[in-house]
Amino acid sequence: MNLVISALDGLDRGVSVQGEIDIATVDALEQAIASLPGGPGPLVIEGSQIDFMDSTGLRLLLGLVEASEETPAVVIRNPSPAVLRVFELSLPAGIPGLMLESDSSDDVESRALEQRIGAGRRKGGRG
């Protein structure tokens, strides 16, 4: 069970995550996020390379949202199918403070993301 966490280019409060977020790896992700500088703006997680996420990953994200005064508190950019599936099953109506975002300017992909996660939880492409 590998997890690779790296800085997200251009964002002080951003990480790119690759691999599996589960009980064996969630502590490493939590520590990486805790080491990011504080400040205004949401935490951005690049999620396109997340292969698996279980309830411990979801619990971490919900805790980050709850602990923040930002709106949105957490943005998951380009969520992988594995991440989308967790949200579809666990939070079909979404949760305030958590946004799933697609960088795609492809209207078809953006519409598919919106249909899968529900209106109000999606921010469209870069235009």
N, C-alpha and C. Protein backbone atom coordinates (compact mmCIF):
# COMPACT_ATOMS: atom_id res chain seq x y z
N MET A 1 0.84 -1.18 0.00
CA MET A 1 0.00 0.00 0.00
C MET A 1 0.89 1.24 0.00
N ASN A 2 1.01 1.84 -1.15
CA ASN A 2 1.86 3.01 -1.30
C ASN A 2 1.03 4.27 -1.40
N LEU A 3 1.61 5.33 -0.90
CA LEU A 3 1.01 6.64 -1.02
C LEU A 3 2.15 7.62 -1.28
N VAL A 4 2.04 8.37 -2.36
CA VAL A 4 3.04 9.38 -2.70
C VAL A 4 2.36 10.73 -2.58
N ILE A 5 2.94 11.59 -1.76
CA ILE A 5 2.38 12.92 -1.52
C ILE A 5 3.44 13.93 -1.92
N SER A 6 3.06 14.88 -2.76
CA SER A 6 4.01 15.90 -3.18
C SER A 6 3.32 17.26 -3.21
N ALA A 7 4.14 18.29 -3.22
CA ALA A 7 3.61 19.65 -3.27
C ALA A 7 2.89 19.86 -4.60
N LEU A 8 1.86 20.65 -4.56
CA LEU A 8 1.11 20.98 -5.76
C LEU A 8 1.66 22.30 -6.30
N ASP A 9 2.20 22.27 -7.49
CA ASP A 9 2.84 23.44 -8.08
C ASP A 9 1.93 24.67 -8.03
N GLY A 10 2.51 25.75 -7.56
CA GLY A 10 1.81 27.02 -7.56
C GLY A 10 0.88 27.26 -6.38
N LEU A 11 0.75 26.29 -5.49
CA LEU A 11 -0.15 26.45 -4.35
C LEU A 11 0.57 26.13 -3.05
N ASP A 12 0.56 27.07 -2.13
CA ASP A 12 1.15 26.80 -0.81
C ASP A 12 0.35 25.78 -0.04
N ARG A 13 -0.97 25.81 -0.22
CA ARG A 13 -1.86 24.91 0.53
C ARG A 13 -2.43 23.85 -0.41
N GLY A 14 -1.51 23.15 -1.10
CA GLY A 14 -1.96 22.12 -2.02
C GLY A 14 -1.03 20.93 -2.05
N VAL A 15 -1.61 19.76 -2.23
CA VAL A 15 -0.83 18.53 -2.35
C VAL A 15 -1.38 17.69 -3.49
N SER A 16 -0.47 16.95 -4.10
CA SER A 16 -0.84 15.96 -5.09
C SER A 16 -0.71 14.60 -4.41
N VAL A 17 -1.72 13.77 -4.55
CA VAL A 17 -1.75 12.48 -3.88
C VAL A 17 -1.86 11.38 -4.92
N GLN A 18 -0.99 10.38 -4.79
CA GLN A 18 -1.01 9.22 -5.69
C GLN A 18 -1.02 7.96 -4.85
N GLY A 19 -1.89 7.02 -5.20
CA GLY A 19 -1.91 5.74 -4.50
C GLY A 19 -3.20 5.53 -3.74
N GLU A 20 -3.08 4.85 -2.60
CA GLU A 20 -4.23 4.45 -1.81
C GLU A 20 -4.29 5.23 -0.49
N ILE A 21 -5.47 5.77 -0.20
CA ILE A 21 -5.70 6.43 1.08
C ILE A 21 -6.55 5.47 1.91
N ASP A 22 -5.92 4.88 2.90
CA ASP A 22 -6.61 3.91 3.75
C ASP A 22 -6.01 3.96 5.14
N ILE A 23 -6.39 3.03 5.99
CA ILE A 23 -5.94 3.04 7.38
C ILE A 23 -4.42 2.97 7.50
N ALA A 24 -3.76 2.35 6.53
CA ALA A 24 -2.31 2.21 6.58
C ALA A 24 -1.58 3.47 6.13
N THR A 25 -2.25 4.36 5.38
CA THR A 25 -1.56 5.51 4.81
C THR A 25 -2.13 6.86 5.23
N VAL A 26 -3.28 6.87 5.87
CA VAL A 26 -3.95 8.14 6.17
C VAL A 26 -3.13 9.02 7.11
N ASP A 27 -2.37 8.42 8.03
CA ASP A 27 -1.55 9.22 8.94
C ASP A 27 -0.49 10.02 8.18
N ALA A 28 0.11 9.42 7.17
CA ALA A 28 1.12 10.12 6.37
C ALA A 28 0.49 11.31 5.65
N LEU A 29 -0.71 11.12 5.12
CA LEU A 29 -1.40 12.22 4.45
C LEU A 29 -1.76 13.31 5.45
N GLU A 30 -2.24 12.91 6.61
CA GLU A 30 -2.61 13.89 7.63
C GLU A 30 -1.39 14.71 8.05
N GLN A 31 -0.25 14.07 8.23
CA GLN A 31 0.98 14.77 8.60
C GLN A 31 1.43 15.72 7.50
N ALA A 32 1.34 15.28 6.25
CA ALA A 32 1.73 16.14 5.13
C ALA A 32 0.85 17.38 5.06
N ILE A 33 -0.43 17.20 5.28
CA ILE A 33 -1.37 18.33 5.26
C ILE A 33 -1.09 19.27 6.44
N ALA A 34 -0.82 18.69 7.61
CA ALA A 34 -0.55 19.51 8.80
C ALA A 34 0.72 20.33 8.63
N SER A 35 1.64 19.87 7.81
CA SER A 35 2.90 20.60 7.62
C SER A 35 2.78 21.75 6.62
N LEU A 36 1.65 21.85 5.94
CA LEU A 36 1.45 22.94 4.99
C LEU A 36 1.28 24.26 5.74
N PRO A 37 1.70 25.36 5.11
CA PRO A 37 1.51 26.65 5.79
C PRO A 37 0.03 26.98 5.94
N GLY A 38 -0.28 27.68 7.00
CA GLY A 38 -1.64 28.15 7.20
C GLY A 38 -1.90 29.34 6.30
N GLY A 39 -3.06 29.86 6.37
CA GLY A 39 -3.37 31.05 5.59
C GLY A 39 -4.73 30.93 4.94
N PRO A 40 -5.10 31.98 4.23
CA PRO A 40 -6.42 31.99 3.60
C PRO A 40 -6.48 31.04 2.41
N GLY A 41 -7.68 30.67 2.11
CA GLY A 41 -7.91 29.80 0.96
C GLY A 41 -8.03 28.35 1.36
N PRO A 42 -8.63 27.59 0.47
CA PRO A 42 -8.87 26.18 0.78
C PRO A 42 -7.61 25.33 0.64
N LEU A 43 -7.65 24.16 1.22
CA LEU A 43 -6.66 23.13 0.97
C LEU A 43 -7.06 22.49 -0.36
N VAL A 44 -6.10 22.37 -1.28
CA VAL A 44 -6.37 21.77 -2.58
C VAL A 44 -5.65 20.44 -2.67
N ILE A 45 -6.39 19.41 -3.00
CA ILE A 45 -5.83 18.07 -3.16
C ILE A 45 -6.04 17.64 -4.60
N GLU A 46 -4.96 17.39 -5.31
CA GLU A 46 -5.04 16.84 -6.66
C GLU A 46 -5.34 15.35 -6.51
N GLY A 47 -6.51 14.93 -6.98
CA GLY A 47 -6.97 13.57 -6.71
C GLY A 47 -7.03 12.64 -7.90
N SER A 48 -6.47 13.02 -9.03
CA SER A 48 -6.61 12.20 -10.23
C SER A 48 -5.86 10.88 -10.15
N GLN A 49 -4.87 10.80 -9.27
CA GLN A 49 -4.07 9.57 -9.17
C GLN A 49 -4.35 8.78 -7.89
N ILE A 50 -5.46 9.06 -7.24
CA ILE A 50 -5.84 8.29 -6.05
C ILE A 50 -6.52 7.02 -6.54
N ASP A 51 -5.90 5.89 -6.25
CA ASP A 51 -6.40 4.60 -6.73
C ASP A 51 -7.50 4.02 -5.86
N PHE A 52 -7.49 4.39 -4.58
CA PHE A 52 -8.43 3.82 -3.62
C PHE A 52 -8.55 4.78 -2.45
N MET A 53 -9.75 4.91 -1.91
CA MET A 53 -9.96 5.68 -0.68
C MET A 53 -11.05 4.99 0.12
N ASP A 54 -10.75 4.73 1.39
CA ASP A 54 -11.76 4.11 2.24
C ASP A 54 -12.30 5.14 3.24
N SER A 55 -13.02 4.66 4.22
CA SER A 55 -13.69 5.56 5.16
C SER A 55 -12.69 6.37 6.00
N THR A 56 -11.47 5.87 6.19
CA THR A 56 -10.50 6.66 6.95
C THR A 56 -10.08 7.90 6.17
N GLY A 57 -9.98 7.78 4.86
CA GLY A 57 -9.69 8.95 4.03
C GLY A 57 -10.84 9.94 4.05
N LEU A 58 -12.06 9.42 3.97
CA LEU A 58 -13.24 10.27 4.04
C LEU A 58 -13.31 10.98 5.39
N ARG A 59 -13.03 10.25 6.45
CA ARG A 59 -13.05 10.83 7.80
C ARG A 59 -12.02 11.96 7.92
N LEU A 60 -10.83 11.77 7.34
CA LEU A 60 -9.82 12.83 7.35
C LEU A 60 -10.34 14.08 6.64
N LEU A 61 -10.91 13.90 5.46
CA LEU A 61 -11.42 15.05 4.71
C LEU A 61 -12.54 15.77 5.45
N LEU A 62 -13.44 15.01 6.04
CA LEU A 62 -14.54 15.62 6.79
C LEU A 62 -14.01 16.38 8.01
N GLY A 63 -12.99 15.84 8.65
CA GLY A 63 -12.37 16.52 9.79
C GLY A 63 -11.72 17.83 9.38
N LEU A 64 -11.09 17.83 8.20
CA LEU A 64 -10.46 19.07 7.70
C LEU A 64 -11.52 20.13 7.41
N VAL A 65 -12.64 19.70 6.85
CA VAL A 65 -13.73 20.64 6.57
C VAL A 65 -14.28 21.20 7.88
N GLU A 66 -14.50 20.33 8.83
CA GLU A 66 -15.07 20.75 10.11
C GLU A 66 -14.16 21.71 10.87
N ALA A 67 -12.85 21.51 10.76
CA ALA A 67 -11.89 22.32 11.51
C ALA A 67 -11.60 23.67 10.85
N SER A 68 -12.06 23.87 9.64
CA SER A 68 -11.73 25.09 8.89
C SER A 68 -12.87 26.09 8.91
N GLU A 69 -12.49 27.35 8.83
CA GLU A 69 -13.49 28.41 8.69
C GLU A 69 -13.62 28.87 7.25
N GLU A 70 -12.80 28.30 6.36
CA GLU A 70 -12.84 28.65 4.94
C GLU A 70 -14.06 28.02 4.27
N THR A 71 -14.53 28.65 3.20
CA THR A 71 -15.58 28.09 2.38
C THR A 71 -15.20 28.25 0.92
N PRO A 72 -14.88 27.23 0.19
CA PRO A 72 -14.79 25.85 0.67
C PRO A 72 -13.51 25.65 1.47
N ALA A 73 -13.52 24.68 2.34
CA ALA A 73 -12.35 24.36 3.15
C ALA A 73 -11.40 23.44 2.40
N VAL A 74 -11.96 22.51 1.65
CA VAL A 74 -11.17 21.52 0.91
C VAL A 74 -11.70 21.44 -0.52
N VAL A 75 -10.77 21.47 -1.47
CA VAL A 75 -11.11 21.28 -2.87
C VAL A 75 -10.35 20.05 -3.35
N ILE A 76 -11.07 19.07 -3.86
CA ILE A 76 -10.42 17.92 -4.47
C ILE A 76 -10.49 18.13 -5.97
N ARG A 77 -9.33 18.38 -6.54
CA ARG A 77 -9.23 18.68 -7.96
C ARG A 77 -9.09 17.38 -8.75
N ASN A 78 -9.88 17.25 -9.78
CA ASN A 78 -9.84 16.08 -10.67
C ASN A 78 -9.96 14.77 -9.90
N PRO A 79 -11.03 14.59 -9.14
CA PRO A 79 -11.16 13.36 -8.36
C PRO A 79 -11.20 12.13 -9.25
N SER A 80 -10.49 11.11 -8.83
CA SER A 80 -10.46 9.85 -9.58
C SER A 80 -11.80 9.14 -9.43
N PRO A 81 -12.05 8.14 -10.26
CA PRO A 81 -13.28 7.35 -10.10
C PRO A 81 -13.40 6.74 -8.71
N ALA A 82 -12.29 6.34 -8.11
CA ALA A 82 -12.34 5.76 -6.76
C ALA A 82 -12.83 6.78 -5.73
N VAL A 83 -12.37 8.01 -5.86
CA VAL A 83 -12.79 9.07 -4.94
C VAL A 83 -14.26 9.41 -5.18
N LEU A 84 -14.63 9.54 -6.42
CA LEU A 84 -16.03 9.84 -6.74
C LEU A 84 -16.97 8.78 -6.17
N ARG A 85 -16.56 7.53 -6.26
CA ARG A 85 -17.40 6.44 -5.77
C ARG A 85 -17.64 6.55 -4.27
N VAL A 86 -16.60 6.90 -3.52
CA VAL A 86 -16.75 7.06 -2.07
C VAL A 86 -17.76 8.16 -1.77
N PHE A 87 -17.67 9.28 -2.49
CA PHE A 87 -18.60 10.38 -2.26
C PHE A 87 -20.02 10.04 -2.72
N GLU A 88 -20.14 9.32 -3.82
CA GLU A 88 -21.47 8.92 -4.29
C GLU A 88 -22.18 8.06 -3.26
N LEU A 89 -21.44 7.15 -2.64
CA LEU A 89 -22.04 6.23 -1.68
C LEU A 89 -22.23 6.85 -0.30
N SER A 90 -21.28 7.67 0.13
CA SER A 90 -21.29 8.18 1.51
C SER A 90 -21.99 9.51 1.66
N LEU A 91 -21.84 10.38 0.69
CA LEU A 91 -22.38 11.74 0.78
C LEU A 91 -23.04 12.13 -0.54
N PRO A 92 -24.10 11.45 -0.93
CA PRO A 92 -24.68 11.73 -2.24
C PRO A 92 -25.18 13.16 -2.41
N ALA A 93 -25.51 13.84 -1.33
CA ALA A 93 -25.97 15.23 -1.42
C ALA A 93 -24.83 16.22 -1.21
N GLY A 94 -23.63 15.72 -1.00
CA GLY A 94 -22.49 16.60 -0.78
C GLY A 94 -22.40 17.05 0.67
N ILE A 95 -21.42 17.89 0.93
CA ILE A 95 -21.26 18.47 2.26
C ILE A 95 -20.73 19.88 2.10
N PRO A 96 -21.31 20.84 2.80
CA PRO A 96 -20.80 22.21 2.71
C PRO A 96 -19.33 22.27 3.12
N GLY A 97 -18.57 22.99 2.35
CA GLY A 97 -17.16 23.15 2.67
C GLY A 97 -16.23 22.22 1.90
N LEU A 98 -16.80 21.27 1.18
CA LEU A 98 -16.01 20.33 0.39
C LEU A 98 -16.44 20.45 -1.06
N MET A 99 -15.49 20.72 -1.95
CA MET A 99 -15.80 20.89 -3.36
C MET A 99 -14.97 19.93 -4.19
N LEU A 100 -15.61 19.30 -5.14
CA LEU A 100 -14.92 18.49 -6.14
C LEU A 100 -14.86 19.33 -7.40
N GLU A 101 -13.68 19.40 -8.00
CA GLU A 101 -13.46 20.31 -9.11
C GLU A 101 -12.77 19.59 -10.26
N SER A 102 -13.21 19.86 -11.46
CA SER A 102 -12.57 19.30 -12.64
C SER A 102 -11.83 20.41 -13.37
N ASP A 103 -10.57 20.13 -13.71
CA ASP A 103 -9.79 21.08 -14.50
C ASP A 103 -10.09 20.97 -15.98
N SER A 104 -10.90 20.00 -16.35
CA SER A 104 -11.17 19.75 -17.75
C SER A 104 -12.00 20.87 -18.35
N SER A 105 -11.61 21.28 -19.54
CA SER A 105 -12.43 22.25 -20.27
C SER A 105 -13.38 21.50 -21.20
N ASP A 106 -13.33 20.19 -21.16
CA ASP A 106 -14.20 19.34 -21.96
C ASP A 106 -15.61 19.37 -21.36
N ASP A 107 -16.56 19.95 -22.09
CA ASP A 107 -17.92 20.07 -21.58
C ASP A 107 -18.55 18.73 -21.24
N VAL A 108 -18.26 17.71 -22.03
CA VAL A 108 -18.84 16.40 -21.78
C VAL A 108 -18.32 15.86 -20.44
N GLU A 109 -17.02 15.98 -20.21
CA GLU A 109 -16.46 15.50 -18.95
C GLU A 109 -16.99 16.31 -17.78
N SER A 110 -17.09 17.61 -17.94
CA SER A 110 -17.61 18.45 -16.86
C SER A 110 -19.05 18.12 -16.53
N ARG A 111 -19.88 17.89 -17.55
CA ARG A 111 -21.28 17.52 -17.31
C ARG A 111 -21.38 16.16 -16.62
N ALA A 112 -20.53 15.22 -17.02
CA ALA A 112 -20.54 13.90 -16.40
C ALA A 112 -20.16 14.01 -14.92
N LEU A 113 -19.16 14.84 -14.60
CA LEU A 113 -18.77 15.03 -13.21
C LEU A 113 -19.91 15.64 -12.43
N GLU A 114 -20.58 16.63 -13.00
CA GLU A 114 -21.70 17.27 -12.32
C GLU A 114 -22.82 16.27 -12.06
N GLN A 115 -23.13 15.42 -13.03
CA GLN A 115 -24.18 14.43 -12.84
C GLN A 115 -23.81 13.43 -11.76
N ARG A 116 -22.54 13.05 -11.68
CA ARG A 116 -22.12 12.04 -10.72
C ARG A 116 -22.11 12.56 -9.29
N ILE A 117 -21.77 13.83 -9.10
CA ILE A 117 -21.62 14.31 -7.73
C ILE A 117 -22.67 15.31 -7.32
N GLY A 118 -23.51 15.70 -8.24
CA GLY A 118 -24.62 16.58 -7.88
C GLY A 118 -24.28 18.05 -8.05
N ALA A 119 -25.26 18.80 -8.41
CA ALA A 119 -25.10 20.24 -8.58
C ALA A 119 -24.70 20.88 -7.25
N GLY A 120 -23.89 21.90 -7.32
CA GLY A 120 -23.47 22.60 -6.13
C GLY A 120 -22.20 22.06 -5.51
N ARG A 121 -21.73 20.92 -5.98
CA ARG A 121 -20.49 20.36 -5.45
C ARG A 121 -19.41 20.39 -6.51
N ARG A 122 -19.70 20.91 -7.67
CA ARG A 122 -18.77 20.89 -8.79
C ARG A 122 -18.44 22.32 -9.21
N LYS A 123 -17.20 22.52 -9.52
CA LYS A 123 -16.78 23.77 -10.14
C LYS A 123 -16.24 23.41 -11.51
N GLY A 124 -16.71 24.08 -12.54
CA GLY A 124 -16.37 23.73 -13.91
C GLY A 124 -14.92 23.95 -14.26
N GLY A 125 -14.61 23.67 -15.52
CA GLY A 125 -13.25 23.78 -16.04
C GLY A 125 -12.78 25.21 -16.08
N ARG A 126 -11.61 25.35 -16.60
CA ARG A 126 -10.96 26.67 -16.65
C ARG A 126 -11.53 27.56 -17.72
N GLY A 127 -12.37 27.07 -18.54
CA GLY A 127 -13.07 27.89 -19.49
C GLY A 127 -12.52 27.83 -20.81
